[in-house]
Amino acid sequence: MLRPEKPYVNFSMCSRNNRSQPHGNPGNNCVNVPESLKPSNRDEERLLRELDADRLPQHIAIIMDGNGRWAKKRHLPRVTGHRAGVQSARNVIETCARLNISALTLYAFSMENWRRPKAEIDFLMRLLREYLRKELPVIHRNNIRLLVIGRTDQLPDAVRADIERASELTAGNTGMKLAVALNYGGRAELVDAFNRILDCLRKNGPANAAVDEDMISQNLYTAGLPDPDLLIRTSGEMRVSNFLLWQIAYAEIYVTETLWPDFTRAQLYEALLDFQKRERRYGGLKESRQRITV
């Protein structure tokens, strides 16, 4: 197996001795920007300066929505929108890896997507295979581990073969985990998890064994990944579309009107900044607000 070449450049903490604090965010740990992420405009530069390196999410999940509408607005075939969306995915994957995000999950093809016209489905499968052929060497060189989650046994044989090759090639990589949801449905994932638990109990456990949250989590497609801290949805739709239903129980949700092919690096930074403004209590109270007046 080829070993990864030079990994994505790590973001290191700015020290007060060698860099001023980011504008509008005094006291935060800003990030030293590697050459690969040098801002392309002032907006990107401003957003990067405001990011706090200590408060980035561990796991980002994205519902990449709006390819068809993007194409329709331009009087182009839907497949043109899907191809444009690949570039957005490439930019987000690269940026998250260079930001040292631990895990990124992209919703690429749902179980419901089989209802689309056959020509569009065939194009999406060809586009996936094309992406893997072109991008897999880059993904591997940069120490990213590729995972594919969903009912992959129902995908075309050629697609499954490419997925297996990609998964095997990157299995030893230790950088960001990139999970691509293909033929995925959140309810189907739970059904499959419960059936695996039942099979295990029938073979090994007593009939009255209890099922707990850890057991369910360990039997999900995403076993081994942290639950998403941030769920991003493009195109403005206010729904989760059967995506990671168990895992996003406490995720912060960020919805943007931007269609996926127009989702830029700057807009990813905006989502991260919005995340950093949230007060995450997981059902509890912030310490300073815990006093109850009777």
Protein backbone atom coordinates (compact mmCIF):
# COMPACT_ATOMS: atom_id res chain seq x y z
CA MET A 1 0.00 0.00 0.00
CA LEU A 2 1.21 3.49 -0.76
CA ARG A 3 1.97 5.54 2.29
CA PRO A 4 0.51 9.03 2.62
CA GLU A 5 2.72 11.83 1.46
CA LYS A 6 2.93 15.18 3.25
CA PRO A 7 -0.35 15.60 5.15
CA TYR A 8 -2.57 18.63 5.07
CA VAL A 9 -0.81 21.43 6.92
CA ASN A 10 -1.90 21.64 10.52
CA PHE A 11 -3.43 24.80 11.91
CA SER A 12 -1.41 25.84 14.94
CA MET A 13 -2.45 28.24 17.67
CA CYS A 14 -1.41 31.86 17.36
CA SER A 15 0.60 33.13 20.29
CA ARG A 16 0.26 36.64 21.64
CA ASN A 17 3.94 37.10 21.01
CA ASN A 18 3.84 36.65 17.27
CA ARG A 19 0.32 37.52 16.14
CA SER A 20 -2.34 39.99 17.13
CA GLN A 21 -5.68 38.74 18.37
CA PRO A 22 -8.43 38.39 15.74
CA HIS A 23 -10.69 41.39 15.27
CA GLY A 24 -13.85 41.33 17.36
CA ASN A 25 -12.81 38.20 19.25
CA PRO A 26 -10.21 39.19 21.85
CA GLY A 27 -8.61 36.35 23.78
CA ASN A 28 -9.48 33.63 21.27
CA ASN A 29 -6.88 31.33 19.76
CA CYS A 30 -6.66 32.29 16.11
CA VAL A 31 -5.07 30.05 13.52
CA ASN A 32 -1.90 30.31 11.48
CA VAL A 33 -3.09 30.01 7.91
CA PRO A 34 -1.18 27.51 5.74
CA GLU A 35 -0.37 28.51 2.18
CA SER A 36 -3.09 26.18 0.89
CA LEU A 37 -5.78 28.21 2.66
CA LYS A 38 -4.48 31.71 2.05
CA PRO A 39 -7.61 33.88 1.79
CA SER A 40 -8.65 34.65 -1.77
CA ASN A 41 -10.39 37.87 -0.74
CA ARG A 42 -10.88 40.22 2.21
CA ASP A 43 -14.08 38.49 3.27
CA GLU A 44 -12.27 35.17 3.70
CA GLU A 45 -9.43 36.88 5.53
CA ARG A 46 -11.84 38.55 7.97
CA LEU A 47 -13.69 35.31 8.65
CA LEU A 48 -10.50 33.35 9.22
CA ARG A 49 -9.27 35.95 11.71
CA GLU A 50 -12.49 35.59 13.69
CA LEU A 51 -12.36 31.79 13.93
CA ASP A 52 -11.37 30.32 17.29
CA ALA A 53 -9.17 27.27 16.74
CA ASP A 54 -10.12 25.86 20.16
CA ARG A 55 -13.84 25.80 19.36
CA LEU A 56 -14.07 24.16 15.97
CA PRO A 57 -16.52 21.24 15.73
CA GLN A 58 -15.13 17.73 15.81
CA HIS A 59 -17.61 16.41 13.26
CA ILE A 60 -19.46 18.32 10.54
CA ALA A 61 -22.33 16.75 8.62
CA ILE A 62 -23.66 18.36 5.45
CA ILE A 63 -26.87 17.91 3.48
CA MET A 64 -25.67 19.01 0.04
CA ASP A 65 -28.94 20.28 -1.42
CA GLY A 66 -29.78 22.47 -4.40
CA ASN A 67 -27.87 21.09 -7.39
CA GLY A 68 -31.02 20.75 -9.49
CA ARG A 69 -32.32 24.21 -8.62
CA TRP A 70 -28.89 25.71 -9.35
CA ALA A 71 -29.03 24.23 -12.86
CA LYS A 72 -32.66 25.21 -13.41
CA LYS A 73 -31.93 28.86 -12.54
CA ARG A 74 -29.33 28.83 -15.32
CA HIS A 75 -31.55 26.92 -17.80
CA LEU A 76 -29.11 24.01 -17.73
CA PRO A 77 -29.67 20.25 -17.37
CA ARG A 78 -29.86 18.94 -13.81
CA VAL A 79 -26.73 16.88 -14.39
CA THR A 80 -24.78 20.13 -14.84
CA GLY A 81 -25.76 21.09 -11.31
CA HIS A 82 -24.54 17.75 -9.97
CA ARG A 83 -21.18 18.20 -11.68
CA ALA A 84 -20.90 21.75 -10.28
CA GLY A 85 -21.68 20.36 -6.84
CA VAL A 86 -18.63 18.11 -7.00
CA GLN A 87 -16.37 21.17 -6.96
CA SER A 88 -18.08 22.46 -3.82
CA ALA A 89 -17.59 19.06 -2.18
CA ARG A 90 -13.92 19.09 -3.14
CA ASN A 91 -13.42 22.55 -1.61
CA VAL A 92 -15.22 21.64 1.62
CA ILE A 93 -13.30 18.37 2.03
CA GLU A 94 -9.97 20.12 1.52
CA THR A 95 -10.82 22.99 3.85
CA CYS A 96 -12.12 20.77 6.66
CA ALA A 97 -9.04 18.56 6.46
CA ARG A 98 -6.74 21.56 6.66
CA LEU A 99 -8.72 22.92 9.61
CA ASN A 100 -8.10 19.60 11.39
CA ILE A 101 -11.78 18.71 11.59
CA SER A 102 -11.85 15.11 12.84
CA ALA A 103 -14.77 13.91 10.73
CA LEU A 104 -16.87 15.14 7.82
CA THR A 105 -20.01 13.37 6.60
CA LEU A 106 -21.56 14.28 3.25
CA TYR A 107 -25.10 13.22 2.25
CA ALA A 108 -24.50 12.21 -1.36
CA PHE A 109 -27.35 9.83 -2.31
CA SER A 110 -30.39 8.92 -0.23
CA MET A 111 -32.51 5.80 -0.52
CA GLU A 112 -35.33 8.07 -1.72
CA ASN A 113 -33.16 9.27 -4.61
CA TRP A 114 -33.86 6.01 -6.48
CA ARG A 115 -37.23 7.59 -7.36
CA ARG A 116 -35.48 10.01 -9.71
CA PRO A 117 -35.32 9.38 -13.48
CA LYS A 118 -33.05 6.48 -14.41
CA ALA A 119 -30.89 8.70 -16.63
CA GLU A 120 -30.15 11.01 -13.70
CA ILE A 121 -29.37 8.09 -11.37
CA ASP A 122 -27.03 6.56 -13.95
CA PHE A 123 -25.25 9.90 -14.32
CA LEU A 124 -24.85 10.24 -10.54
CA MET A 125 -23.29 6.77 -10.34
CA ARG A 126 -20.89 7.57 -13.19
CA LEU A 127 -20.03 10.88 -11.53
CA LEU A 128 -19.28 9.10 -8.26
CA ARG A 129 -16.95 6.65 -9.99
CA GLU A 130 -15.27 9.50 -11.86
CA TYR A 131 -14.78 11.38 -8.61
CA LEU A 132 -13.22 8.37 -6.90
CA ARG A 133 -10.82 7.75 -9.79
CA LYS A 134 -9.65 11.37 -9.87
CA GLU A 135 -9.68 12.27 -6.21
CA LEU A 136 -8.71 9.05 -4.44
CA PRO A 137 -4.94 9.55 -4.94
CA VAL A 138 -5.24 13.06 -3.46
CA ILE A 139 -7.39 11.85 -0.57
CA HIS A 140 -4.89 9.10 0.19
CA ARG A 141 -1.79 11.30 -0.10
CA ASN A 142 -3.32 13.68 2.42
CA ASN A 143 -3.95 10.99 5.04
CA ILE A 144 -7.78 11.10 4.82
CA ARG A 145 -9.67 7.91 5.56
CA LEU A 146 -12.66 7.35 3.28
CA LEU A 147 -15.74 5.63 4.68
CA VAL A 148 -18.99 4.94 2.83
CA ILE A 149 -22.13 4.55 4.93
CA GLY A 150 -25.52 3.24 3.87
CA ARG A 151 -26.90 0.08 2.30
CA THR A 152 -23.99 -0.22 -0.09
CA ASP A 153 -24.88 -3.82 -0.98
CA GLN A 154 -27.74 -2.40 -3.09
CA LEU A 155 -25.45 -0.20 -5.21
CA PRO A 156 -24.33 -1.25 -8.72
CA ASP A 157 -21.49 -3.78 -8.73
CA ALA A 158 -19.01 -1.40 -10.39
CA VAL A 159 -19.71 1.29 -7.80
CA ARG A 160 -19.30 -1.19 -4.96
CA ALA A 161 -15.96 -2.35 -6.35
CA ASP A 162 -14.67 1.23 -6.52
CA ILE A 163 -15.88 1.90 -2.97
CA GLU A 164 -14.19 -1.22 -1.62
CA ARG A 165 -10.92 -0.30 -3.34
CA ALA A 166 -11.05 3.25 -1.95
CA SER A 167 -11.89 2.05 1.57
CA GLU A 168 -9.08 -0.52 1.55
CA LEU A 169 -6.51 1.95 0.21
CA THR A 170 -7.24 4.56 2.88
CA ALA A 171 -7.98 2.21 5.79
CA GLY A 172 -4.67 2.92 7.49
CA ASN A 173 -4.85 6.70 7.18
CA THR A 174 -4.99 8.63 10.44
CA GLY A 175 -6.21 12.08 9.38
CA MET A 176 -9.76 13.30 8.87
CA LYS A 177 -12.43 10.65 8.42
CA LEU A 178 -14.54 11.41 5.35
CA ALA A 179 -17.87 9.55 5.44
CA VAL A 180 -19.92 9.60 2.26
CA ALA A 181 -23.57 8.59 2.71
CA LEU A 182 -24.66 6.53 -0.31
CA ASN A 183 -28.00 4.76 -0.56
CA TYR A 184 -28.45 6.08 2.95
CA GLY A 185 -31.53 6.57 5.11
CA GLY A 186 -31.60 7.37 8.81
CA ARG A 187 -34.53 5.07 9.57
CA ALA A 188 -32.96 2.25 7.56
CA GLU A 189 -29.75 2.72 9.57
CA LEU A 190 -31.66 2.28 12.82
CA VAL A 191 -33.47 -0.80 11.48
CA ASP A 192 -30.14 -2.32 10.44
CA ALA A 193 -28.61 -1.49 13.84
CA PHE A 194 -31.49 -3.09 15.74
CA ASN A 195 -31.33 -6.21 13.56
CA ARG A 196 -27.57 -6.53 14.20
CA ILE A 197 -28.23 -6.23 17.93
CA LEU A 198 -30.95 -8.89 17.75
CA ASP A 199 -28.67 -11.23 15.80
CA CYS A 200 -25.95 -10.77 18.40
CA LEU A 201 -28.33 -11.38 21.30
CA ARG A 202 -29.74 -14.51 19.66
CA LYS A 203 -26.25 -15.92 19.24
CA ASN A 204 -24.49 -14.73 22.38
CA GLY A 205 -26.77 -13.06 24.90
CA PRO A 206 -29.61 -13.95 27.22
CA ALA A 207 -33.12 -13.37 25.93
CA ASN A 208 -33.75 -10.62 28.51
CA ALA A 209 -30.57 -8.62 27.84
CA ALA A 210 -31.12 -4.85 27.90
CA VAL A 211 -30.34 -2.57 24.97
CA ASP A 212 -28.79 0.79 25.86
CA GLU A 213 -27.68 3.86 23.89
CA ASP A 214 -24.06 2.72 23.66
CA MET A 215 -25.11 -0.59 22.15
CA ILE A 216 -27.20 1.19 19.51
CA SER A 217 -24.40 3.65 18.69
CA GLN A 218 -21.90 0.83 18.29
CA ASN A 219 -24.12 -0.82 15.68
CA LEU A 220 -24.78 2.26 13.54
CA TYR A 221 -23.01 2.80 10.23
CA THR A 222 -21.08 5.62 11.93
CA ALA A 223 -19.70 3.49 14.78
CA GLY A 224 -16.34 4.92 15.81
CA LEU A 225 -17.13 8.46 14.72
CA PRO A 226 -18.11 11.20 17.16
CA ASP A 227 -21.67 12.45 16.79
CA PRO A 228 -21.89 15.55 14.59
CA ASP A 229 -21.50 18.84 16.41
CA LEU A 230 -22.70 20.83 13.40
CA LEU A 231 -25.23 19.96 10.70
CA ILE A 232 -25.18 22.23 7.66
CA ARG A 233 -28.00 22.26 5.12
CA THR A 234 -27.84 24.27 1.93
CA SER A 235 -30.75 25.53 -0.24
CA GLY A 236 -32.83 26.83 2.67
CA GLU A 237 -34.97 23.75 3.31
CA MET A 238 -35.89 23.43 7.00
CA ARG A 239 -35.77 19.66 7.41
CA VAL A 240 -33.21 16.95 8.12
CA SER A 241 -34.38 14.62 5.32
CA ASN A 242 -33.87 11.32 7.14
CA PHE A 243 -30.17 12.03 7.71
CA LEU A 244 -28.26 10.77 10.78
CA LEU A 245 -31.43 10.79 12.87
CA TRP A 246 -29.81 9.23 15.93
CA GLN A 247 -26.50 11.03 15.67
CA ILE A 248 -27.73 14.64 15.33
CA ALA A 249 -29.70 14.61 18.59
CA TYR A 250 -27.58 17.48 19.96
CA ALA A 251 -26.08 18.88 16.77
CA GLU A 252 -26.26 22.59 16.07
CA ILE A 253 -28.19 23.11 12.82
CA TYR A 254 -27.12 25.76 10.33
CA VAL A 255 -29.34 26.39 7.29
CA THR A 256 -28.29 28.64 4.44
CA GLU A 257 -30.29 29.74 1.38
CA THR A 258 -27.18 29.17 -0.74
CA LEU A 259 -27.51 26.34 -3.25
CA TRP A 260 -24.83 23.69 -2.89
CA PRO A 261 -22.82 24.52 -6.05
CA ASP A 262 -22.50 28.11 -4.77
CA PHE A 263 -21.34 27.05 -1.28
CA THR A 264 -17.86 28.55 -0.94
CA ARG A 265 -15.02 28.33 1.55
CA ALA A 266 -16.12 31.69 2.99
CA GLN A 267 -19.62 30.33 3.59
CA LEU A 268 -18.17 27.34 5.40
CA TYR A 269 -16.26 29.78 7.64
CA GLU A 270 -19.53 31.66 8.27
CA ALA A 271 -21.18 28.41 9.37
CA LEU A 272 -18.27 27.70 11.72
CA LEU A 273 -18.45 31.19 13.20
CA ASP A 274 -22.19 30.80 13.75
CA PHE A 275 -21.49 27.49 15.49
CA GLN A 276 -18.97 29.16 17.77
CA LYS A 277 -21.57 31.69 18.88
CA ARG A 278 -23.97 28.99 20.06
CA GLU A 279 -24.29 28.11 23.74
CA ARG A 280 -24.29 24.31 23.88
CA ARG A 281 -25.96 23.07 27.07
CA TYR A 282 -27.13 19.56 26.09
CA GLY A 283 -30.38 20.04 27.98
CA GLY A 284 -28.75 21.58 31.05
CA LEU A 285 -28.13 25.15 32.14
CA LYS A 286 -25.12 27.36 31.85
CA GLU A 287 -23.40 27.51 35.24
CA SER A 288 -24.12 31.20 35.68
CA ARG A 289 -27.83 30.61 35.12
CA GLN A 290 -28.41 27.60 37.32
CA ARG A 291 -29.79 29.53 40.30
CA ILE A 292 -33.55 29.15 40.44
CA THR A 293 -35.68 31.87 42.00
CA VAL A 294 -38.54 30.43 44.02
